[in-house]
Amino acid sequence: MTKTNMIRAAALAALVATPFVSVPAAGPFQVRRASTAQAVSTAPPVATVATSPYDGEPIVAGGISYDYAVYDASGKALDISVQANTVMNTIRIAFDDSNAEAAPVDTLQSSVGVTPSSIRADGLQAAVITIAPRDADGVLLGRGLAIAIDASRLWPAQLTGSIADLGNGLYRALAVASVPGTGSVRVIVEGVDLAALPTITAMVVDTSASLRDLAIAELQSLAGTGGPLSSLLAQAGSGTDQGKRIVAATTAANAALATLINDDVAHDDNVVKTVLDNVLYQLSFVLEAPGALDPLDVRDTMDDLLGIVRLIAEWHLDRATAACGVCDGNGHPNKLCDAAASMADADAMRAAVNPDWRSAVDAYARAIELALQSVQAC
């Protein structure tokens, strides 16, 4: 896929965040730039390099804008990421060079995070693994890296798909487990073992508790003292714009909790699409607002909330299936089949590289509503 990235040289702190598709490439690679996108393909090379990343472009003050592109030996434009390397005062351009041991990966500066570190051994709840490969100066290496996770060390957790290159220097994978136990996340980047070895613990599922009970317990943990929301507030500061939004999100989460505990299940769809949606609404502002918070921490909390909403929807689908029978694949029972389809839509929105958080909540709420209607019809 041909792609150029316009970068304002005076404001290069943000990484380009476009989903990455690996492109087989062969060097040498030509780095080109021009003041307009149309002129990049015919511009003379700024540099010719053998491997990724390239750190030769100085950061220029004064607000000059350039389009950058990298071409392989066949003349094909590659997907790239561009960021400011403030240590060297240069622009870092990264791309897939098809060399599995090319990038200067630093095993100690690179990081691996897991959220949550404990999951249910039900094959459903996922742990999000976030990998940030960096060089010796702590600068993100960018996109196009060869990354693997040791499956034998990860067991009993297993990856649910491939490792996604988020295009902004970070890489993400999802892991689930069907049996209890603890494994470690051993990551190999460009042939280098990272020092970080976080663990994933899969816990025995309490069969005496319903999925709805589990959702309530997880919401209590999310909004309670020492939970993710209070942790975000501590980092942001209560008087900041981010902090005020987190306080509002916590208030809404506790209101939803009280309703789920004390009200009839027939109101669950309304709780999800109004009160819990408001939690995501507040956190979406936190995600975009400038401040001290790591955006990944906010995204993890938002995904935790979607996981809670999904548990409620799944409980209603199971209840409707018990009352009405399984959807037969031909649209019968129609309300139940529609509920399952809405659930699948919500899951797809949640799994996207850039999740449509609030639309996913609406789709889960719709699944609950349809499941409730199905039970009434049966």
Protein backbone atom coordinates (compact mmCIF):
# COMPACT_ATOMS: atom_id res chain seq x y z
CA MET A 1 0.00 0.00 0.00
CA THR A 2 1.39 3.39 -1.02
CA LYS A 3 1.39 5.86 1.81
CA THR A 4 3.15 9.12 2.60
CA ASN A 5 3.06 10.87 5.91
CA MET A 6 2.90 14.65 6.21
CA ILE A 7 4.78 15.66 9.32
CA ARG A 8 5.16 19.15 10.67
CA ALA A 9 8.81 19.31 11.63
CA ALA A 10 8.05 21.68 14.51
CA ALA A 11 5.62 19.23 16.12
CA LEU A 12 6.87 15.69 15.72
CA ALA A 13 6.17 14.35 19.21
CA ALA A 14 3.21 12.26 18.01
CA LEU A 15 3.73 9.04 16.08
CA VAL A 16 1.78 8.28 12.93
CA ALA A 17 -0.93 5.82 14.04
CA THR A 18 -2.08 4.01 10.88
CA PRO A 19 -2.71 0.22 10.95
CA PHE A 20 0.28 -1.56 9.46
CA VAL A 21 0.29 -4.17 6.73
CA SER A 22 3.61 -5.94 6.29
CA VAL A 23 5.21 -5.41 2.88
CA PRO A 24 8.05 -7.67 1.75
CA ALA A 25 10.90 -5.32 0.96
CA ALA A 26 14.48 -5.41 -0.27
CA GLY A 27 17.16 -2.76 0.14
CA PRO A 28 18.76 -0.45 -0.48
CA PHE A 29 15.96 1.90 0.56
CA GLN A 30 15.54 5.46 -0.66
CA VAL A 31 14.23 8.10 1.75
CA ARG A 32 12.56 10.98 -0.06
CA ARG A 33 10.83 14.17 1.03
CA ALA A 34 9.04 17.09 -0.61
CA SER A 35 6.91 20.03 0.41
CA THR A 36 3.86 18.54 -1.32
CA ALA A 37 2.54 14.98 -1.46
CA GLN A 38 2.46 15.01 -5.24
CA ALA A 39 6.18 15.81 -5.48
CA VAL A 40 7.50 13.07 -3.19
CA SER A 41 7.63 10.28 -5.75
CA THR A 42 9.86 12.28 -8.11
CA ALA A 43 11.95 14.03 -5.46
CA PRO A 44 15.64 13.11 -5.24
CA PRO A 45 16.58 10.82 -2.33
CA VAL A 46 17.47 12.53 0.93
CA ALA A 47 19.36 9.37 1.83
CA THR A 48 19.86 5.75 0.80
CA VAL A 49 19.92 3.27 3.70
CA ALA A 50 20.32 -0.48 4.12
CA THR A 51 18.05 -1.06 7.13
CA SER A 52 15.32 0.49 9.25
CA PRO A 53 15.08 2.82 11.14
CA TYR A 54 16.61 5.92 9.56
CA ASP A 55 17.72 8.76 11.87
CA GLY A 56 19.42 11.15 9.48
CA GLU A 57 16.88 13.96 9.12
CA PRO A 58 17.41 16.92 11.49
CA ILE A 59 14.38 18.37 13.23
CA VAL A 60 13.78 21.72 11.58
CA ALA A 61 12.29 24.61 13.54
CA GLY A 62 9.90 27.12 12.06
CA GLY A 63 6.88 25.04 11.13
CA ILE A 64 8.12 23.66 7.79
CA SER A 65 5.96 20.80 6.51
CA TYR A 66 7.24 17.86 4.49
CA ASP A 67 5.84 14.68 3.06
CA TYR A 68 8.16 11.70 3.60
CA ALA A 69 8.28 8.39 1.78
CA VAL A 70 10.55 5.34 1.70
CA TYR A 71 10.97 3.27 -1.48
CA ASP A 72 12.53 -0.19 -1.70
CA ALA A 73 14.89 -1.37 -4.43
CA SER A 74 11.99 -2.18 -6.76
CA GLY A 75 10.58 1.35 -6.42
CA LYS A 76 7.64 0.36 -4.20
CA ALA A 77 6.58 2.88 -1.54
CA LEU A 78 6.50 1.31 1.95
CA ASP A 79 4.33 1.99 4.98
CA ILE A 80 6.35 4.14 7.36
CA SER A 81 6.13 5.71 10.81
CA VAL A 82 7.70 9.07 11.61
CA GLN A 83 8.54 10.44 15.03
CA ALA A 84 10.85 12.88 16.73
CA ASN A 85 14.03 11.37 18.15
CA THR A 86 14.65 14.12 20.67
CA VAL A 87 17.82 12.45 21.95
CA MET A 88 19.55 12.85 18.58
CA ASN A 89 17.43 15.85 17.49
CA THR A 90 16.52 13.99 14.33
CA ILE A 91 13.46 12.60 12.63
CA ARG A 92 13.19 8.82 12.96
CA ILE A 93 11.64 7.06 9.98
CA ALA A 94 10.84 3.38 10.46
CA PHE A 95 9.60 0.79 7.97
CA ASP A 96 9.58 -2.96 7.34
CA ASP A 97 12.98 -3.87 5.89
CA SER A 98 12.34 -7.66 6.00
CA ASN A 99 15.52 -8.04 8.05
CA ALA A 100 14.65 -9.92 11.24
CA GLU A 101 17.71 -8.70 13.12
CA ALA A 102 18.26 -5.18 11.82
CA ALA A 103 16.84 -2.78 14.42
CA PRO A 104 18.94 -1.71 17.45
CA VAL A 105 16.60 -3.20 20.05
CA ASP A 106 17.55 -2.54 23.66
CA THR A 107 16.37 -5.34 25.93
CA LEU A 108 16.15 -3.17 29.06
CA GLN A 109 14.69 0.01 27.59
CA SER A 110 11.96 -1.89 25.77
CA SER A 111 8.80 -2.71 27.72
CA VAL A 112 6.01 -5.28 27.82
CA GLY A 113 2.72 -4.59 29.61
CA VAL A 114 -0.24 -6.88 30.36
CA THR A 115 -3.75 -5.69 31.29
CA PRO A 116 -5.35 -7.29 33.18
CA SER A 117 -2.68 -9.59 34.53
CA SER A 118 -5.35 -11.98 35.92
CA ILE A 119 -8.10 -13.34 33.69
CA ARG A 120 -10.78 -15.99 34.02
CA ALA A 121 -9.90 -19.41 32.61
CA ASP A 122 -13.01 -19.39 30.44
CA GLY A 123 -11.49 -18.87 26.99
CA LEU A 124 -13.35 -15.54 26.74
CA GLN A 125 -11.76 -12.86 28.90
CA ALA A 126 -8.66 -11.55 27.17
CA ALA A 127 -5.44 -10.06 28.49
CA VAL A 128 -4.07 -7.23 26.34
CA ILE A 129 -0.31 -7.48 25.75
CA THR A 130 1.32 -4.19 24.73
CA ILE A 131 4.92 -4.22 23.47
CA ALA A 132 7.03 -1.06 23.13
CA PRO A 133 10.42 -1.82 21.46
CA ARG A 134 12.95 0.95 22.12
CA ASP A 135 16.59 1.68 21.39
CA ALA A 136 19.34 2.33 23.96
CA ASP A 137 18.17 5.95 24.32
CA GLY A 138 14.61 4.88 25.12
CA VAL A 139 13.25 6.04 21.75
CA LEU A 140 10.55 3.91 20.15
CA LEU A 141 11.86 2.02 17.13
CA GLY A 142 8.66 2.40 15.14
CA ARG A 143 6.81 0.09 12.82
CA GLY A 144 7.78 -2.94 10.76
CA LEU A 145 9.60 -4.98 13.43
CA ALA A 146 9.69 -8.78 13.57
CA ILE A 147 8.07 -9.72 16.90
CA ALA A 148 7.24 -13.09 18.44
CA ILE A 149 5.84 -14.29 21.77
CA ASP A 150 7.05 -17.61 23.19
CA ALA A 151 3.95 -19.85 23.20
CA SER A 152 5.46 -22.42 25.56
CA ARG A 153 6.18 -19.81 28.23
CA LEU A 154 2.78 -18.16 27.75
CA TRP A 155 0.81 -21.36 28.47
CA PRO A 156 -1.93 -21.83 29.70
CA ALA A 157 -2.70 -18.51 28.00
CA GLN A 158 -2.74 -18.54 24.20
CA LEU A 159 -2.74 -15.76 21.64
CA THR A 160 -6.09 -15.28 19.91
CA GLY A 161 -4.56 -13.94 16.71
CA SER A 162 -1.47 -12.34 15.27
CA ILE A 163 0.55 -9.58 16.91
CA ALA A 164 -0.75 -6.26 15.58
CA ASP A 165 1.60 -3.47 14.54
CA LEU A 166 -0.34 -0.36 15.61
CA GLY A 167 1.78 1.85 13.37
CA ASN A 168 2.83 4.17 16.21
CA GLY A 169 5.78 2.21 17.57
CA LEU A 170 3.61 -0.04 19.74
CA TYR A 171 2.53 -3.64 19.13
CA ARG A 172 -0.47 -5.43 20.63
CA ALA A 173 -1.69 -8.99 21.10
CA LEU A 174 -4.62 -10.61 22.91
CA ALA A 175 -4.37 -13.78 25.00
CA VAL A 176 -7.03 -16.01 26.56
CA ALA A 177 -6.88 -19.20 28.63
CA SER A 178 -9.22 -22.16 29.02
CA VAL A 179 -7.49 -23.82 31.99
CA PRO A 180 -6.13 -22.23 35.18
CA GLY A 181 -2.45 -21.50 35.71
CA THR A 182 0.22 -18.85 35.30
CA GLY A 183 2.45 -18.21 32.30
CA SER A 184 4.95 -15.51 31.40
CA VAL A 185 5.08 -13.22 28.37
CA ARG A 186 8.49 -13.72 26.76
CA VAL A 187 8.83 -11.37 23.79
CA ILE A 188 11.48 -11.60 21.08
CA VAL A 189 11.97 -8.48 18.93
CA GLU A 190 14.25 -8.73 15.90
CA GLY A 191 15.95 -11.73 17.51
CA VAL A 192 16.44 -9.96 20.87
CA ASP A 193 14.83 -11.30 24.08
CA LEU A 194 13.25 -8.44 26.04
CA ALA A 195 14.08 -8.33 29.74
CA ALA A 196 10.48 -7.72 30.83
CA LEU A 197 8.67 -10.96 31.67
CA PRO A 198 5.18 -10.05 32.92
CA THR A 199 2.85 -12.89 33.87
CA ILE A 200 -0.72 -13.80 32.97
CA THR A 201 -2.64 -15.76 35.60
CA ALA A 202 -5.76 -17.66 34.54
CA MET A 203 -8.12 -18.16 37.47
CA VAL A 204 -10.64 -20.92 38.04
CA VAL A 205 -14.13 -19.77 37.06
CA ASP A 206 -16.62 -19.74 39.93
CA THR A 207 -19.47 -21.73 38.40
CA SER A 208 -21.77 -20.68 41.24
CA ALA A 209 -21.66 -17.08 40.01
CA SER A 210 -23.47 -15.89 36.89
CA LEU A 211 -21.82 -13.80 34.20
CA ARG A 212 -23.90 -10.86 35.41
CA ASP A 213 -22.55 -11.37 38.95
CA LEU A 214 -19.03 -11.38 37.52
CA ALA A 215 -19.76 -8.15 35.64
CA ILE A 216 -20.91 -6.50 38.88
CA ALA A 217 -17.81 -7.71 40.71
CA GLU A 218 -15.54 -6.40 37.96
CA LEU A 219 -17.33 -3.05 37.88
CA GLN A 220 -16.84 -2.80 41.65
CA SER A 221 -13.13 -3.44 41.13
CA LEU A 222 -12.93 -0.93 38.26
CA ALA A 223 -14.54 1.91 40.23
CA GLY A 224 -13.36 1.01 43.73
CA THR A 225 -10.42 2.19 45.80
CA GLY A 226 -7.17 1.07 44.21
CA GLY A 227 -8.93 0.19 40.96
CA PRO A 228 -8.08 1.46 37.47
CA LEU A 229 -10.20 4.62 37.74
CA SER A 230 -8.67 5.68 41.06
CA SER A 231 -5.23 4.91 39.67
CA LEU A 232 -5.89 7.15 36.66
CA LEU A 233 -7.11 9.92 38.98
CA ALA A 234 -3.98 9.67 41.12
CA GLN A 235 -1.80 10.04 38.02
CA ALA A 236 -3.81 12.89 36.48
CA GLY A 237 -4.47 14.92 39.63
CA SER A 238 -8.00 15.75 40.82
CA GLY A 239 -7.82 19.42 39.83
CA THR A 240 -6.79 18.84 36.20
CA ASP A 241 -9.13 18.63 33.23
CA GLN A 242 -8.31 14.94 32.95
CA GLY A 243 -8.92 14.45 36.67
CA LYS A 244 -12.34 16.10 36.57
CA ARG A 245 -13.43 13.81 33.75
CA ILE A 246 -12.18 10.76 35.66
CA VAL A 247 -14.18 11.85 38.73
CA ALA A 248 -17.29 12.11 36.52
CA ALA A 249 -16.56 8.67 35.04
CA THR A 250 -16.19 7.16 38.53
CA THR A 251 -19.47 8.73 39.67
CA ALA A 252 -21.27 7.29 36.64
CA ALA A 253 -19.68 3.86 37.16
CA ASN A 254 -20.88 3.76 40.78
CA ALA A 255 -24.38 4.84 39.72
CA ALA A 256 -24.47 1.99 37.21
CA LEU A 257 -23.23 -0.39 39.88
CA ALA A 258 -26.01 0.58 42.29
CA THR A 259 -28.65 0.11 39.59
CA LEU A 260 -27.32 -3.27 38.50
CA ILE A 261 -27.29 -4.50 42.10
CA ASN A 262 -30.64 -3.11 43.21
CA ASP A 263 -32.80 -2.89 40.08
CA ASP A 264 -34.51 -5.47 37.91
CA VAL A 265 -32.53 -7.08 35.05
CA ALA A 266 -35.13 -5.73 32.61
CA HIS A 267 -33.41 -2.35 32.92
CA ASP A 268 -29.90 -3.61 32.09
CA ASP A 269 -30.03 -2.35 28.50
CA ASN A 270 -30.87 1.16 29.72
CA VAL A 271 -28.06 1.06 32.30
CA VAL A 272 -25.59 0.07 29.59
CA LYS A 273 -26.61 2.56 26.89
CA THR A 274 -26.96 5.55 29.24
CA VAL A 275 -24.96 5.29 32.46
CA LEU A 276 -22.08 3.03 31.38
CA ASP A 277 -21.96 4.81 28.03
CA ASN A 278 -21.44 8.02 30.02
CA VAL A 279 -18.37 6.44 31.66
CA LEU A 280 -16.89 5.85 28.20
CA TYR A 281 -17.95 9.34 27.12
CA GLN A 282 -15.96 10.87 29.98
CA LEU A 283 -12.95 8.63 29.39
CA SER A 284 -12.93 9.48 25.68
CA PHE A 285 -12.30 13.11 26.68
CA VAL A 286 -9.55 11.96 29.04
CA LEU A 287 -7.95 10.04 26.18
CA GLU A 288 -7.82 13.13 23.96
CA ALA A 289 -7.03 15.78 26.59
CA PRO A 290 -3.42 16.84 27.19
CA GLY A 291 -2.07 15.77 30.56
CA ALA A 292 0.10 13.40 32.54
CA LEU A 293 -1.74 10.18 31.72
CA ASP A 294 -0.37 7.48 29.45
CA PRO A 295 -3.05 7.03 26.72
CA LEU A 296 -2.50 3.26 26.89
CA ASP A 297 -3.63 3.21 30.53
CA VAL A 298 -6.82 5.05 29.57
CA ARG A 299 -7.46 2.72 26.62
CA ASP A 300 -6.96 -0.33 28.85
CA THR A 301 -9.54 1.01 31.31
CA MET A 302 -11.99 1.66 28.49
CA ASP A 303 -11.49 -1.88 27.22
CA ASP A 304 -12.02 -3.24 30.74
CA LEU A 305 -15.35 -1.43 30.80
CA LEU A 306 -16.34 -2.90 27.43
CA GLY A 307 -15.48 -6.33 28.83
CA ILE A 308 -17.89 -5.71 31.71
CA VAL A 309 -20.63 -4.62 29.33
CA ARG A 310 -20.03 -7.74 27.24
CA LEU A 311 -20.47 -10.00 30.26
CA ILE A 312 -23.89 -8.47 30.91
CA ALA A 313 -24.89 -8.92 27.28
CA GLU A 314 -23.63 -12.51 27.24
CA TRP A 315 -25.66 -13.31 30.37
CA HIS A 316 -28.82 -12.04 28.66
CA LEU A 317 -28.09 -14.02 25.49
CA ASP A 318 -27.58 -17.21 27.51
CA ARG A 319 -30.85 -16.56 29.37
CA ALA A 320 -32.73 -15.99 26.10
CA THR A 321 -31.23 -19.13 24.53
CA ALA A 322 -32.33 -21.20 27.53
CA ALA A 323 -35.88 -19.86 27.12
CA CYS A 324 -36.20 -19.86 23.34
CA GLY A 325 -33.67 -22.33 21.98
CA VAL A 326 -30.61 -21.73 19.83
CA CYS A 327 -30.78 -19.45 16.78
CA ASP A 328 -31.23 -21.89 13.87
CA GLY A 329 -29.18 -19.94 11.34
CA ASN A 330 -32.28 -18.95 9.36
CA GLY A 331 -33.33 -16.08 11.60
CA HIS A 332 -35.44 -18.03 14.11
CA PRO A 333 -36.14 -17.10 16.86
CA ASN A 334 -35.82 -13.75 15.12
CA LYS A 335 -35.21 -11.52 18.16
CA LEU A 336 -32.59 -13.90 19.54
CA CYS A 337 -30.81 -14.15 16.18
CA ASP A 338 -30.82 -10.36 15.92
CA ALA A 339 -29.39 -10.15 19.43
CA ALA A 340 -26.56 -12.52 18.50
CA ALA A 341 -25.82 -10.47 15.37
CA SER A 342 -25.68 -7.25 17.40
CA MET A 343 -23.34 -8.95 19.85
CA ALA A 344 -21.03 -9.96 16.99
CA ASP A 345 -21.05 -6.40 15.65
CA ALA A 346 -20.08 -5.08 19.09
CA ASP A 347 -17.26 -7.62 19.39
CA ALA A 348 -15.88 -6.53 16.00
CA MET A 349 -15.95 -2.86 17.02
CA ARG A 350 -14.15 -3.67 20.26
CA ALA A 351 -11.46 -5.74 18.50
CA ALA A 352 -10.59 -3.02 15.97
CA VAL A 353 -7.14 -1.41 16.06
CA ASN A 354 -8.88 1.89 16.82
CA PRO A 355 -12.01 0.70 18.68
CA ASP A 356 -15.30 2.49 18.19
CA TRP A 357 -15.91 2.44 21.94
CA ARG A 358 -19.32 4.04 22.25
CA SER A 359 -20.79 2.38 19.16
CA ALA A 360 -19.72 -0.94 20.67
CA VAL A 361 -21.59 -0.08 23.88
CA ASP A 362 -24.69 0.78 21.84
CA ALA A 363 -24.46 -2.56 20.01
CA TYR A 364 -24.09 -4.50 23.28
CA ALA A 365 -27.08 -2.59 24.72
CA ARG A 366 -29.08 -3.46 21.60
CA ALA A 367 -28.17 -7.14 22.05
CA ILE A 368 -29.47 -6.99 25.65
CA GLU A 369 -32.69 -5.26 24.53
CA LEU A 370 -33.34 -7.86 21.84
CA ALA A 371 -32.56 -10.73 24.21
CA LEU A 372 -35.07 -9.33 26.71
CA GLN A 373 -37.69 -9.08 23.96
CA SER A 374 -36.93 -12.64 22.92
CA VAL A 375 -37.55 -13.95 26.45
CA GLN A 376 -40.88 -12.11 26.58
CA ALA A 377 -41.91 -13.53 23.21
CA CYS A 378 -41.06 -17.09 24.19
